[in-house]
Amino acid sequence: MVGVVAFADVMERRTFGALGFITVGALFLIYYWWRSGKAEVRAYEKGIVYITKGSVRVLRWADINEVYQRSVRWRIAFVPIRTVHRYILSTTHGRVLLDGSIQNVRDLGQYVQERMLATKMPLAIEAHNAGKVLRFGKLALQRQNGIWHGKSFIRWQDVKSVDVEHGYIRIRKYGKWFAWAKVSVAFVPNYLMFLALVRRPQAFLVS
């Protein structure tokens, strides 16, 4: 498979040189893609390798601070014909764009988000338990109080549900017909982390 390693075999236990998590065989593939000039991404257990003409960037999961996801469904006469997926990774070394030029970009984007979540979630829970305000773009939350959407605020006991519908995070309030807040996933960095925290806040409370 060109572009993305089959995720069932994302990592061999051998290491090589300063890159740490890349096998000897993978280095030959990286050199091939580097010479070809095509943008390619290889996913491994400990991170990804982003390859373009003249550049090889190694990113560990810990290097990725934020992931933005945007999916656009194209229609003709209201009939869906294709969905375009785009992911922006904000890292300690700058931004990386994963788009339709990369094969299986949707699978890759989901894998990146899941691995980043597994890496960053313990720190988020620690900050949440400490009462810190955690910010996710236009949204923010705090354990003792609730959720902010810009300057608007809702307490935990007033939150009826938090769901993702048609690319939007909808926060519903008891006693209200319309959503209290509706925010595009594209503008919520690490939205999977946000959902994990708001959907099960009791799981992160300190007894």
N, C-alpha and C. Protein backbone atom coordinates (compact mmCIF):
# COMPACT_ATOMS: atom_id res chain seq x y z
N MET A 1 0.86 -1.20 0.00
CA MET A 1 0.00 0.00 0.00
C MET A 1 0.89 1.24 0.00
N VAL A 2 0.62 2.14 -0.90
CA VAL A 2 1.41 3.37 -1.00
C VAL A 2 0.83 4.42 -0.07
N GLY A 3 1.69 5.12 0.65
CA GLY A 3 1.24 6.27 1.42
C GLY A 3 1.06 6.01 2.88
N VAL A 4 0.30 4.99 3.25
CA VAL A 4 0.00 4.75 4.65
C VAL A 4 0.25 3.29 4.98
N VAL A 5 1.02 3.04 6.02
CA VAL A 5 1.26 1.68 6.46
C VAL A 5 -0.04 1.07 6.95
N ALA A 6 -0.27 -0.22 6.67
CA ALA A 6 -1.44 -0.89 7.22
C ALA A 6 -1.35 -0.81 8.74
N PHE A 7 -2.42 -0.31 9.36
CA PHE A 7 -2.34 0.03 10.77
C PHE A 7 -2.23 -1.18 11.68
N ALA A 8 -2.54 -2.37 11.18
CA ALA A 8 -2.34 -3.56 12.00
C ALA A 8 -0.87 -3.88 12.17
N ASP A 9 -0.04 -3.34 11.30
CA ASP A 9 1.41 -3.60 11.34
C ASP A 9 2.17 -2.29 11.39
N VAL A 10 1.75 -1.36 12.25
CA VAL A 10 2.30 -0.02 12.22
C VAL A 10 3.69 0.08 12.81
N MET A 11 4.13 -0.94 13.54
CA MET A 11 5.41 -0.78 14.21
C MET A 11 6.11 -2.11 14.42
N GLU A 12 7.36 -2.19 14.01
CA GLU A 12 8.21 -3.29 14.41
C GLU A 12 9.04 -2.80 15.58
N ARG A 13 9.49 -3.70 16.42
CA ARG A 13 10.15 -3.31 17.67
C ARG A 13 11.59 -2.86 17.47
N ARG A 14 12.13 -3.04 16.28
CA ARG A 14 13.49 -2.59 16.04
C ARG A 14 13.56 -1.08 15.88
N THR A 15 14.70 -0.52 16.19
CA THR A 15 14.91 0.91 16.00
C THR A 15 16.15 1.13 15.15
N PHE A 16 16.25 2.35 14.65
CA PHE A 16 17.40 2.66 13.79
C PHE A 16 17.84 4.09 14.01
N GLY A 17 19.08 4.26 14.50
CA GLY A 17 19.71 5.56 14.59
C GLY A 17 18.92 6.59 15.36
N ALA A 18 19.07 7.87 15.00
CA ALA A 18 18.46 8.97 15.73
C ALA A 18 16.94 9.03 15.52
N LEU A 19 16.43 8.39 14.46
CA LEU A 19 15.00 8.45 14.21
C LEU A 19 14.22 7.61 15.21
N GLY A 20 14.88 6.65 15.80
CA GLY A 20 14.30 5.98 16.97
C GLY A 20 13.28 4.92 16.66
N PHE A 21 12.20 5.24 15.93
CA PHE A 21 11.12 4.27 15.78
C PHE A 21 10.96 3.78 14.35
N ILE A 22 11.94 4.02 13.49
CA ILE A 22 11.82 3.66 12.08
C ILE A 22 12.74 2.48 11.79
N THR A 23 12.22 1.46 11.13
CA THR A 23 13.00 0.29 10.80
C THR A 23 13.91 0.56 9.61
N VAL A 24 14.88 -0.33 9.40
CA VAL A 24 15.82 -0.18 8.28
C VAL A 24 15.06 -0.21 6.96
N GLY A 25 14.09 -1.15 6.85
CA GLY A 25 13.32 -1.24 5.62
C GLY A 25 12.55 0.04 5.33
N ALA A 26 12.02 0.65 6.38
CA ALA A 26 11.25 1.88 6.20
C ALA A 26 12.12 3.00 5.67
N LEU A 27 13.38 3.02 6.05
CA LEU A 27 14.29 4.07 5.59
C LEU A 27 14.48 4.02 4.08
N PHE A 28 14.50 2.82 3.50
CA PHE A 28 14.60 2.70 2.04
C PHE A 28 13.36 3.26 1.37
N LEU A 29 12.18 2.99 1.95
CA LEU A 29 10.94 3.54 1.39
C LEU A 29 10.93 5.05 1.49
N ILE A 30 11.39 5.57 2.62
CA ILE A 30 11.45 7.02 2.80
C ILE A 30 12.36 7.64 1.75
N TYR A 31 13.50 7.04 1.49
CA TYR A 31 14.43 7.55 0.49
C TYR A 31 13.78 7.54 -0.90
N TYR A 32 13.03 6.46 -1.21
CA TYR A 32 12.35 6.36 -2.51
C TYR A 32 11.35 7.50 -2.69
N TRP A 33 10.51 7.72 -1.66
CA TRP A 33 9.51 8.78 -1.78
C TRP A 33 10.15 10.16 -1.80
N TRP A 34 11.22 10.32 -1.05
CA TRP A 34 11.93 11.60 -1.04
C TRP A 34 12.43 11.92 -2.44
N ARG A 35 12.96 10.92 -3.16
CA ARG A 35 13.46 11.12 -4.51
C ARG A 35 12.31 11.33 -5.50
N SER A 36 11.15 10.72 -5.25
CA SER A 36 10.05 10.81 -6.22
C SER A 36 9.39 12.18 -6.23
N GLY A 37 9.51 12.94 -5.13
CA GLY A 37 8.92 14.26 -5.06
C GLY A 37 7.47 14.27 -4.62
N LYS A 38 6.87 13.11 -4.37
CA LYS A 38 5.48 13.04 -3.94
C LYS A 38 5.40 13.14 -2.41
N ALA A 39 4.35 13.79 -1.95
CA ALA A 39 4.13 13.86 -0.50
C ALA A 39 3.59 12.53 -0.02
N GLU A 40 4.22 11.96 0.99
CA GLU A 40 3.77 10.70 1.55
C GLU A 40 3.86 10.77 3.07
N VAL A 41 3.04 9.97 3.73
CA VAL A 41 3.08 9.90 5.19
C VAL A 41 3.10 8.43 5.59
N ARG A 42 3.99 8.09 6.49
CA ARG A 42 4.05 6.74 7.05
C ARG A 42 3.70 6.83 8.52
N ALA A 43 2.78 6.00 8.96
CA ALA A 43 2.34 6.02 10.35
C ALA A 43 2.93 4.84 11.11
N TYR A 44 3.41 5.12 12.31
CA TYR A 44 4.01 4.11 13.16
C TYR A 44 3.42 4.20 14.56
N GLU A 45 3.79 3.26 15.40
CA GLU A 45 3.27 3.23 16.77
C GLU A 45 3.63 4.48 17.54
N LYS A 46 4.81 5.03 17.31
CA LYS A 46 5.29 6.16 18.10
C LYS A 46 5.22 7.51 17.39
N GLY A 47 4.74 7.51 16.14
CA GLY A 47 4.66 8.79 15.44
C GLY A 47 4.49 8.60 13.95
N ILE A 48 4.70 9.69 13.19
CA ILE A 48 4.58 9.64 11.74
C ILE A 48 5.82 10.23 11.09
N VAL A 49 6.03 9.84 9.86
CA VAL A 49 7.09 10.42 9.03
C VAL A 49 6.42 11.08 7.84
N TYR A 50 6.64 12.38 7.68
CA TYR A 50 6.04 13.17 6.60
C TYR A 50 7.14 13.46 5.59
N ILE A 51 6.94 12.99 4.35
CA ILE A 51 8.00 13.02 3.34
C ILE A 51 7.56 13.86 2.15
N THR A 52 8.35 14.86 1.82
CA THR A 52 8.15 15.64 0.61
C THR A 52 9.49 15.77 -0.09
N LYS A 53 9.48 16.31 -1.30
CA LYS A 53 10.73 16.46 -2.05
C LYS A 53 11.70 17.33 -1.27
N GLY A 54 12.82 16.78 -0.90
CA GLY A 54 13.86 17.53 -0.21
C GLY A 54 13.64 17.67 1.28
N SER A 55 12.61 17.01 1.83
CA SER A 55 12.32 17.18 3.25
C SER A 55 11.74 15.90 3.85
N VAL A 56 12.24 15.52 4.99
CA VAL A 56 11.70 14.41 5.77
C VAL A 56 11.49 14.91 7.19
N ARG A 57 10.23 14.89 7.65
CA ARG A 57 9.90 15.37 8.99
C ARG A 57 9.42 14.19 9.83
N VAL A 58 10.08 14.00 10.96
CA VAL A 58 9.70 12.95 11.90
C VAL A 58 8.95 13.58 13.07
N LEU A 59 7.72 13.14 13.28
CA LEU A 59 6.90 13.70 14.35
C LEU A 59 6.45 12.59 15.28
N ARG A 60 6.85 12.68 16.52
CA ARG A 60 6.32 11.78 17.54
C ARG A 60 4.97 12.31 18.00
N TRP A 61 4.16 11.42 18.56
CA TRP A 61 2.83 11.84 19.00
C TRP A 61 2.92 12.97 20.02
N ALA A 62 3.94 12.95 20.85
CA ALA A 62 4.10 14.00 21.86
C ALA A 62 4.40 15.35 21.22
N ASP A 63 4.87 15.36 19.96
CA ASP A 63 5.17 16.62 19.26
C ASP A 63 3.91 17.30 18.73
N ILE A 64 2.81 16.56 18.64
CA ILE A 64 1.58 17.10 18.07
C ILE A 64 0.74 17.71 19.19
N ASN A 65 0.50 19.01 19.12
CA ASN A 65 -0.25 19.71 20.16
C ASN A 65 -1.74 19.79 19.85
N GLU A 66 -2.06 20.04 18.59
CA GLU A 66 -3.46 20.19 18.21
C GLU A 66 -3.71 19.53 16.85
N VAL A 67 -4.91 19.00 16.70
CA VAL A 67 -5.34 18.45 15.42
C VAL A 67 -6.67 19.10 15.04
N TYR A 68 -6.71 19.72 13.87
CA TYR A 68 -7.95 20.29 13.34
C TYR A 68 -8.45 19.38 12.22
N GLN A 69 -9.72 19.09 12.23
CA GLN A 69 -10.31 18.24 11.20
C GLN A 69 -11.40 18.98 10.44
N ARG A 70 -11.38 18.84 9.13
CA ARG A 70 -12.44 19.44 8.30
C ARG A 70 -12.84 18.45 7.23
N SER A 71 -14.13 18.16 7.15
CA SER A 71 -14.65 17.26 6.13
C SER A 71 -15.75 18.00 5.36
N VAL A 72 -15.64 18.00 4.05
CA VAL A 72 -16.61 18.69 3.19
C VAL A 72 -17.20 17.68 2.23
N ARG A 73 -18.52 17.59 2.21
CA ARG A 73 -19.22 16.68 1.30
C ARG A 73 -19.70 17.45 0.08
N TRP A 74 -19.24 17.01 -1.07
CA TRP A 74 -19.63 17.66 -2.32
C TRP A 74 -20.90 17.00 -2.86
N ARG A 75 -21.83 17.81 -3.35
CA ARG A 75 -23.10 17.31 -3.87
C ARG A 75 -23.38 17.89 -5.26
N ILE A 76 -24.09 17.12 -6.04
CA ILE A 76 -24.65 17.59 -7.31
C ILE A 76 -26.15 17.31 -7.26
N ALA A 77 -26.95 18.38 -7.33
CA ALA A 77 -28.41 18.25 -7.23
C ALA A 77 -28.79 17.52 -5.94
N PHE A 78 -28.12 17.91 -4.87
CA PHE A 78 -28.37 17.36 -3.54
C PHE A 78 -27.95 15.90 -3.37
N VAL A 79 -27.26 15.36 -4.37
CA VAL A 79 -26.78 13.97 -4.28
C VAL A 79 -25.29 14.00 -3.93
N PRO A 80 -24.90 13.40 -2.78
CA PRO A 80 -23.48 13.38 -2.40
C PRO A 80 -22.65 12.62 -3.43
N ILE A 81 -21.55 13.23 -3.85
CA ILE A 81 -20.68 12.56 -4.82
C ILE A 81 -19.31 12.22 -4.24
N ARG A 82 -18.87 13.00 -3.27
CA ARG A 82 -17.58 12.70 -2.63
C ARG A 82 -17.44 13.53 -1.36
N THR A 83 -16.57 13.06 -0.47
CA THR A 83 -16.28 13.79 0.75
C THR A 83 -14.77 14.04 0.82
N VAL A 84 -14.42 15.29 1.03
CA VAL A 84 -13.01 15.68 1.10
C VAL A 84 -12.62 15.86 2.56
N HIS A 85 -11.54 15.20 2.95
CA HIS A 85 -11.07 15.26 4.33
C HIS A 85 -9.74 16.00 4.40
N ARG A 86 -9.62 16.83 5.43
CA ARG A 86 -8.40 17.62 5.61
C ARG A 86 -8.08 17.71 7.10
N TYR A 87 -6.82 17.52 7.43
CA TYR A 87 -6.37 17.59 8.81
C TYR A 87 -5.16 18.52 8.90
N ILE A 88 -5.19 19.39 9.88
CA ILE A 88 -4.05 20.27 10.13
C ILE A 88 -3.47 19.90 11.48
N LEU A 89 -2.20 19.57 11.50
CA LEU A 89 -1.51 19.22 12.73
C LEU A 89 -0.66 20.40 13.18
N SER A 90 -0.96 20.91 14.35
CA SER A 90 -0.14 21.96 14.95
C SER A 90 0.88 21.29 15.85
N THR A 91 2.16 21.39 15.50
CA THR A 91 3.20 20.66 16.21
C THR A 91 4.24 21.62 16.78
N THR A 92 5.14 21.06 17.55
CA THR A 92 6.22 21.85 18.11
C THR A 92 7.19 22.33 17.03
N HIS A 93 7.07 21.78 15.81
CA HIS A 93 7.96 22.15 14.71
C HIS A 93 7.21 22.85 13.58
N GLY A 94 6.01 23.35 13.87
CA GLY A 94 5.24 24.03 12.83
C GLY A 94 4.00 23.22 12.47
N ARG A 95 3.34 23.63 11.38
CA ARG A 95 2.10 22.98 10.97
C ARG A 95 2.33 21.99 9.84
N VAL A 96 1.54 20.93 9.86
CA VAL A 96 1.58 19.90 8.82
C VAL A 96 0.17 19.70 8.29
N LEU A 97 0.02 19.71 6.98
CA LEU A 97 -1.27 19.53 6.34
C LEU A 97 -1.38 18.12 5.77
N LEU A 98 -2.46 17.43 6.14
CA LEU A 98 -2.79 16.13 5.55
C LEU A 98 -4.08 16.32 4.78
N ASP A 99 -4.03 16.13 3.47
CA ASP A 99 -5.21 16.35 2.65
C ASP A 99 -5.39 15.24 1.64
N GLY A 100 -6.24 15.49 0.64
CA GLY A 100 -6.57 14.46 -0.34
C GLY A 100 -5.43 14.03 -1.23
N SER A 101 -4.32 14.75 -1.20
CA SER A 101 -3.16 14.32 -2.00
C SER A 101 -2.47 13.11 -1.38
N ILE A 102 -2.86 12.76 -0.16
CA ILE A 102 -2.29 11.62 0.54
C ILE A 102 -3.30 10.49 0.53
N GLN A 103 -2.87 9.32 0.11
CA GLN A 103 -3.76 8.18 0.01
C GLN A 103 -4.31 7.81 1.39
N ASN A 104 -5.59 7.46 1.43
CA ASN A 104 -6.25 7.04 2.67
C ASN A 104 -6.12 8.09 3.78
N VAL A 105 -6.29 9.34 3.42
CA VAL A 105 -6.06 10.41 4.38
C VAL A 105 -7.06 10.35 5.54
N ARG A 106 -8.28 9.87 5.27
CA ARG A 106 -9.26 9.79 6.35
C ARG A 106 -8.81 8.79 7.42
N ASP A 107 -8.37 7.60 6.99
CA ASP A 107 -7.89 6.60 7.95
C ASP A 107 -6.68 7.13 8.70
N LEU A 108 -5.78 7.79 7.97
CA LEU A 108 -4.60 8.35 8.60
C LEU A 108 -4.97 9.41 9.62
N GLY A 109 -5.88 10.32 9.24
CA GLY A 109 -6.28 11.39 10.15
C GLY A 109 -6.91 10.85 11.42
N GLN A 110 -7.77 9.83 11.28
CA GLN A 110 -8.39 9.24 12.46
C GLN A 110 -7.35 8.56 13.35
N TYR A 111 -6.40 7.89 12.72
CA TYR A 111 -5.35 7.22 13.48
C TYR A 111 -4.50 8.24 14.24
N VAL A 112 -4.14 9.32 13.57
CA VAL A 112 -3.35 10.37 14.22
C VAL A 112 -4.10 10.93 15.42
N GLN A 113 -5.40 11.20 15.26
CA GLN A 113 -6.17 11.75 16.37
C GLN A 113 -6.26 10.77 17.54
N GLU A 114 -6.47 9.51 17.25
CA GLU A 114 -6.57 8.51 18.31
C GLU A 114 -5.26 8.37 19.08
N ARG A 115 -4.14 8.35 18.35
CA ARG A 115 -2.85 8.19 19.01
C ARG A 115 -2.48 9.45 19.80
N MET A 116 -2.77 10.61 19.23
CA MET A 116 -2.49 11.85 19.95
C MET A 116 -3.34 11.95 21.21
N LEU A 117 -4.60 11.49 21.10
CA LEU A 117 -5.49 11.50 22.26
C LEU A 117 -4.95 10.60 23.36
N ALA A 118 -4.49 9.42 22.99
CA ALA A 118 -3.95 8.50 23.99
C ALA A 118 -2.72 9.08 24.67
N THR A 119 -1.95 9.88 23.93
CA THR A 119 -0.73 10.47 24.48
C THR A 119 -1.03 11.67 25.37
N LYS A 120 -1.97 12.52 24.94
CA LYS A 120 -2.22 13.79 25.62
C LYS A 120 -3.30 13.71 26.71
N MET A 121 -4.16 12.68 26.65
CA MET A 121 -5.29 12.63 27.56
C MET A 121 -4.89 12.61 29.03
N PRO A 122 -3.87 11.87 29.45
CA PRO A 122 -3.49 11.89 30.86
C PRO A 122 -3.17 13.28 31.39
N LEU A 123 -2.48 14.10 30.57
CA LEU A 123 -2.18 15.47 30.99
C LEU A 123 -3.44 16.32 31.05
N ALA A 124 -4.37 16.08 30.11
CA ALA A 124 -5.62 16.83 30.11
C ALA A 124 -6.44 16.49 31.35
N ILE A 125 -6.48 15.22 31.71
CA ILE A 125 -7.22 14.81 32.91
C ILE A 125 -6.60 15.42 34.16
N GLU A 126 -5.28 15.43 34.21
CA GLU A 126 -4.59 16.03 35.36
C GLU A 126 -4.93 17.52 35.48
N ALA A 127 -4.91 18.23 34.36
CA ALA A 127 -5.25 19.66 34.38
C ALA A 127 -6.72 19.85 34.74
N HIS A 128 -7.58 18.98 34.22
CA HIS A 128 -9.01 19.04 34.51
C HIS A 128 -9.27 18.84 36.00
N ASN A 129 -8.63 17.85 36.58
CA ASN A 129 -8.79 17.59 38.01
C ASN A 129 -8.25 18.72 38.88
N ALA A 130 -7.25 19.43 38.35
CA ALA A 130 -6.66 20.55 39.09
C ALA A 130 -7.51 21.82 38.99
N GLY A 131 -8.60 21.76 38.22
CA GLY A 131 -9.49 22.91 38.10
C GLY A 131 -9.08 23.92 37.07
N LYS A 132 -8.16 23.56 36.18
CA LYS A 132 -7.73 24.50 35.16
C LYS A 132 -8.77 24.59 34.04
N VAL A 133 -8.81 25.75 33.39
CA VAL A 133 -9.68 25.92 32.23
C VAL A 133 -8.98 25.33 31.01
N LEU A 134 -9.63 24.40 30.34
CA LEU A 134 -9.07 23.77 29.15
C LEU A 134 -9.76 24.39 27.93
N ARG A 135 -8.98 24.90 27.00
CA ARG A 135 -9.52 25.62 25.85
C ARG A 135 -9.42 24.78 24.58
N PHE A 136 -10.50 24.81 23.81
CA PHE A 136 -10.58 24.10 22.54
C PHE A 136 -11.15 25.06 21.50
N GLY A 137 -10.34 26.00 21.08
CA GLY A 137 -10.80 26.99 20.13
C GLY A 137 -11.87 27.88 20.74
N LYS A 138 -13.07 27.89 20.15
CA LYS A 138 -14.17 28.72 20.64
C LYS A 138 -14.81 28.15 21.91
N LEU A 139 -14.47 26.92 22.24
CA LEU A 139 -15.04 26.27 23.42
C LEU A 139 -13.99 26.14 24.53
N ALA A 140 -14.47 26.10 25.76
CA ALA A 140 -13.59 25.88 26.92
C ALA A 140 -14.41 25.19 28.00
N LEU A 141 -13.73 24.51 28.89
CA LEU A 141 -14.44 23.85 29.98
C LEU A 141 -13.60 23.88 31.25
N GLN A 142 -14.30 23.78 32.38
CA GLN A 142 -13.65 23.72 33.69
C GLN A 142 -14.44 22.78 34.58
N ARG A 143 -13.74 21.97 35.32
CA ARG A 143 -14.37 20.94 36.13
C ARG A 143 -15.39 21.50 37.13
N GLN A 144 -15.05 22.58 37.81
CA GLN A 144 -15.92 23.09 38.87
C GLN A 144 -17.15 23.83 38.33
N ASN A 145 -17.09 24.31 37.10
CA ASN A 145 -18.14 25.20 36.62
C ASN A 145 -18.93 24.64 35.45
N GLY A 146 -18.32 24.53 34.28
CA GLY A 146 -19.06 24.06 33.12
C GLY A 146 -18.35 24.37 31.83
N ILE A 147 -19.12 24.78 30.82
CA ILE A 147 -18.60 24.98 29.46
C ILE A 147 -18.81 26.42 29.02
N TRP A 148 -17.81 26.97 28.37
CA TRP A 148 -17.91 28.29 27.75
C TRP A 148 -17.99 28.14 26.23
N HIS A 149 -18.81 28.96 25.61
CA HIS A 149 -18.81 29.15 24.16
C HIS A 149 -18.64 30.64 23.94
N GLY A 150 -17.39 31.06 23.69
CA GLY A 150 -17.12 32.49 23.67
C GLY A 150 -17.35 33.06 25.05
N LYS A 151 -18.23 34.05 25.17
CA LYS A 151 -18.53 34.65 26.47
C LYS A 151 -19.76 34.00 27.14
N SER A 152 -20.44 33.14 26.41
CA SER A 152 -21.59 32.45 26.98
C SER A 152 -21.13 31.29 27.85
N PHE A 153 -21.93 30.95 28.85
CA PHE A 153 -21.52 29.94 29.81
C PHE A 153 -22.71 29.07 30.19
N ILE A 154 -22.46 27.77 30.38
CA ILE A 154 -23.49 26.84 30.84
C ILE A 154 -22.89 25.95 31.92
N ARG A 155 -23.65 25.74 33.00
CA ARG A 155 -23.18 24.89 34.09
C ARG A 155 -23.41 23.41 33.74
N TRP A 156 -22.60 22.55 34.36
CA TRP A 156 -22.69 21.12 34.06
C TRP A 156 -24.11 20.60 34.26
N GLN A 157 -24.76 21.01 35.35
CA GLN A 157 -26.09 20.47 35.65
C GLN A 157 -27.15 20.89 34.64
N ASP A 158 -26.83 21.90 33.83
CA ASP A 158 -27.78 22.35 32.80
C ASP A 158 -27.52 21.72 31.43
N VAL A 159 -26.42 20.96 31.31
CA VAL A 159 -26.08 20.35 30.03
C VAL A 159 -26.90 19.07 29.85
N LYS A 160 -27.71 19.05 28.81
CA LYS A 160 -28.53 17.88 28.51
C LYS A 160 -27.76 16.86 27.69
N SER A 161 -27.04 17.34 26.68
CA SER A 161 -26.28 16.43 25.81
C SER A 161 -25.23 17.20 25.03
N VAL A 162 -24.20 16.47 24.61
CA VAL A 162 -23.17 17.01 23.72
C VAL A 162 -22.98 15.98 22.61
N ASP A 163 -23.29 16.36 21.38
CA ASP A 163 -23.22 15.42 20.26
C ASP A 163 -22.57 16.07 19.05
N VAL A 164 -22.13 15.22 18.14
CA VAL A 164 -21.62 15.69 16.85
C VAL A 164 -22.62 15.29 15.78
N GLU A 165 -23.15 16.29 15.06
CA GLU A 165 -24.13 16.05 14.02
C GLU A 165 -23.76 16.84 12.77
N HIS A 166 -23.54 16.13 11.67
CA HIS A 166 -23.25 16.75 10.38
C HIS A 166 -22.06 17.72 10.48
N GLY A 167 -21.04 17.33 11.19
CA GLY A 167 -19.83 18.13 11.27
C GLY A 167 -19.86 19.25 12.29
N TYR A 168 -20.89 19.29 13.12
CA TYR A 168 -21.00 20.33 14.15
C TYR A 168 -21.14 19.70 15.54
N ILE A 169 -20.47 20.32 16.51
CA ILE A 169 -20.69 19.96 17.91
C ILE A 169 -21.89 20.74 18.40
N ARG A 170 -22.91 20.03 18.86
CA ARG A 170 -24.12 20.66 19.38
C ARG A 170 -24.24 20.38 20.87
N ILE A 171 -24.32 21.44 21.64
CA ILE A 171 -24.48 21.35 23.09
C ILE A 171 -25.91 21.76 23.41
N ARG A 172 -26.67 20.85 23.99
CA ARG A 172 -28.08 21.11 24.28
C ARG A 172 -28.28 21.34 25.78
N LYS A 173 -29.21 22.24 26.07
CA LYS A 173 -29.50 22.65 27.45
C LYS A 173 -30.90 22.19 27.83
N TYR A 174 -31.05 21.73 29.07
CA TYR A 174 -32.36 21.34 29.55
C TYR A 174 -33.35 22.51 29.43
N GLY A 175 -34.54 22.19 28.96
CA GLY A 175 -35.58 23.21 28.88
C GLY A 175 -35.52 24.06 27.63
N LYS A 176 -34.56 23.80 26.73
CA LYS A 176 -34.42 24.59 25.51
C LYS A 176 -34.62 23.69 24.28
N TRP A 177 -35.37 24.21 23.31
CA TRP A 177 -35.63 23.44 22.10
C TRP A 177 -34.42 23.43 21.18
N PHE A 178 -33.80 24.59 20.97
CA PHE A 178 -32.64 24.69 20.08
C PHE A 178 -31.34 24.46 20.86
N ALA A 179 -30.29 24.13 20.12
CA ALA A 179 -29.00 23.89 20.76
C ALA A 179 -28.50 25.16 21.43
N TRP A 180 -27.94 25.01 22.62
CA TRP A 180 -27.34 26.15 23.32
C TRP A 180 -26.11 26.65 22.56
N ALA A 181 -25.35 25.73 21.97
CA ALA A 181 -24.17 26.10 21.17
C ALA A 181 -24.03 25.13 20.01
N LYS A 182 -23.62 25.67 18.87
CA LYS A 182 -23.37 24.88 17.67
C LYS A 182 -22.06 25.37 17.05
N VAL A 183 -21.05 24.52 17.08
CA VAL A 183 -19.71 24.91 16.63
C VAL A 183 -19.18 23.88 15.65
N SER A 184 -18.68 24.34 14.52
CA SER A 184 -18.10 23.43 13.53
C SER A 184 -16.88 22.72 14.11
N VAL A 185 -16.82 21.42 13.87
CA VAL A 185 -15.66 20.63 14.30
C VAL A 185 -14.36 21.22 13.76
N ALA A 186 -14.43 21.83 12.58
CA ALA A 186 -13.24 22.40 11.95
C ALA A 186 -12.57 23.48 12.80
N PHE A 187 -13.34 24.09 13.73
CA PHE A 187 -12.81 25.17 14.55
C PHE A 187 -12.57 24.74 16.00
N VAL A 188 -12.62 23.44 16.24
CA VAL A 188 -12.41 22.92 17.59
C VAL A 188 -11.19 21.99 17.57
N PRO A 189 -10.02 22.48 17.95
CA PRO A 189 -8.84 21.62 17.97
C PRO A 189 -9.01 20.50 18.99
N ASN A 190 -8.54 19.31 18.63
CA ASN A 190 -8.61 18.16 19.53
C ASN A 190 -10.05 17.89 19.98
N TYR A 191 -10.96 17.91 19.03
CA TYR A 191 -12.38 17.80 19.41
C TYR A 191 -12.70 16.46 20.07
N LEU A 192 -11.94 15.41 19.74
CA LEU A 192 -12.18 14.12 20.40
C LEU A 192 -11.87 14.20 21.89
N MET A 193 -10.85 14.96 22.25
CA MET A 193 -10.53 15.15 23.66
C MET A 193 -11.63 15.94 24.35
N PHE A 194 -12.12 16.97 23.68
CA PHE A 194 -13.21 17.76 24.24
C PHE A 194 -14.42 16.87 24.51
N LEU A 195 -14.80 16.04 23.54
CA LEU A 195 -15.95 15.17 23.72
C LEU A 195 -15.73 14.18 24.86
N ALA A 196 -14.53 13.62 24.95
CA ALA A 196 -14.25 12.65 26.02
C ALA A 196 -14.40 13.29 27.39
N LEU A 197 -14.02 14.54 27.51
CA LEU A 197 -14.10 15.22 28.81
C LEU A 197 -15.52 15.63 29.16
N VAL A 198 -16.27 16.14 28.19
CA VAL A 198 -17.61 16.64 28.53
C VAL A 198 -18.65 15.53 28.61
N ARG A 199 -18.43 14.44 27.94
CA ARG A 199 -19.43 13.37 27.95
C ARG A 199 -19.35 12.52 29.22
N ARG A 200 -18.17 12.44 29.82
CA ARG A 200 -18.04 11.65 31.02
C ARG A 200 -17.29 12.44 32.10
N PRO A 201 -17.76 13.61 32.47
CA PRO A 201 -17.04 14.42 33.45
C PRO A 201 -16.88 13.71 34.79
N GLN A 202 -17.86 12.85 35.14
CA GLN A 202 -17.77 12.17 36.42
C GLN A 202 -16.57 11.23 36.48
N ALA A 203 -16.09 10.78 35.32
CA ALA A 203 -14.97 9.86 35.31
C ALA A 203 -13.66 10.53 35.69
N PHE A 204 -13.63 11.86 35.67
CA PHE A 204 -12.39 12.56 35.91
C PHE A 204 -12.42 13.36 37.21
N LEU A 205 -13.46 13.17 37.99
CA LEU A 205 -13.56 13.90 39.26
C LEU A 205 -12.68 13.25 40.30
N VAL A 206 -12.07 14.07 41.12
CA VAL A 206 -11.24 13.58 42.21
C VAL A 206 -12.11 13.32 43.42
N SER A 207 -12.05 12.13 43.95
CA SER A 207 -12.87 11.81 45.11
C SER A 207 -12.27 12.39 46.38
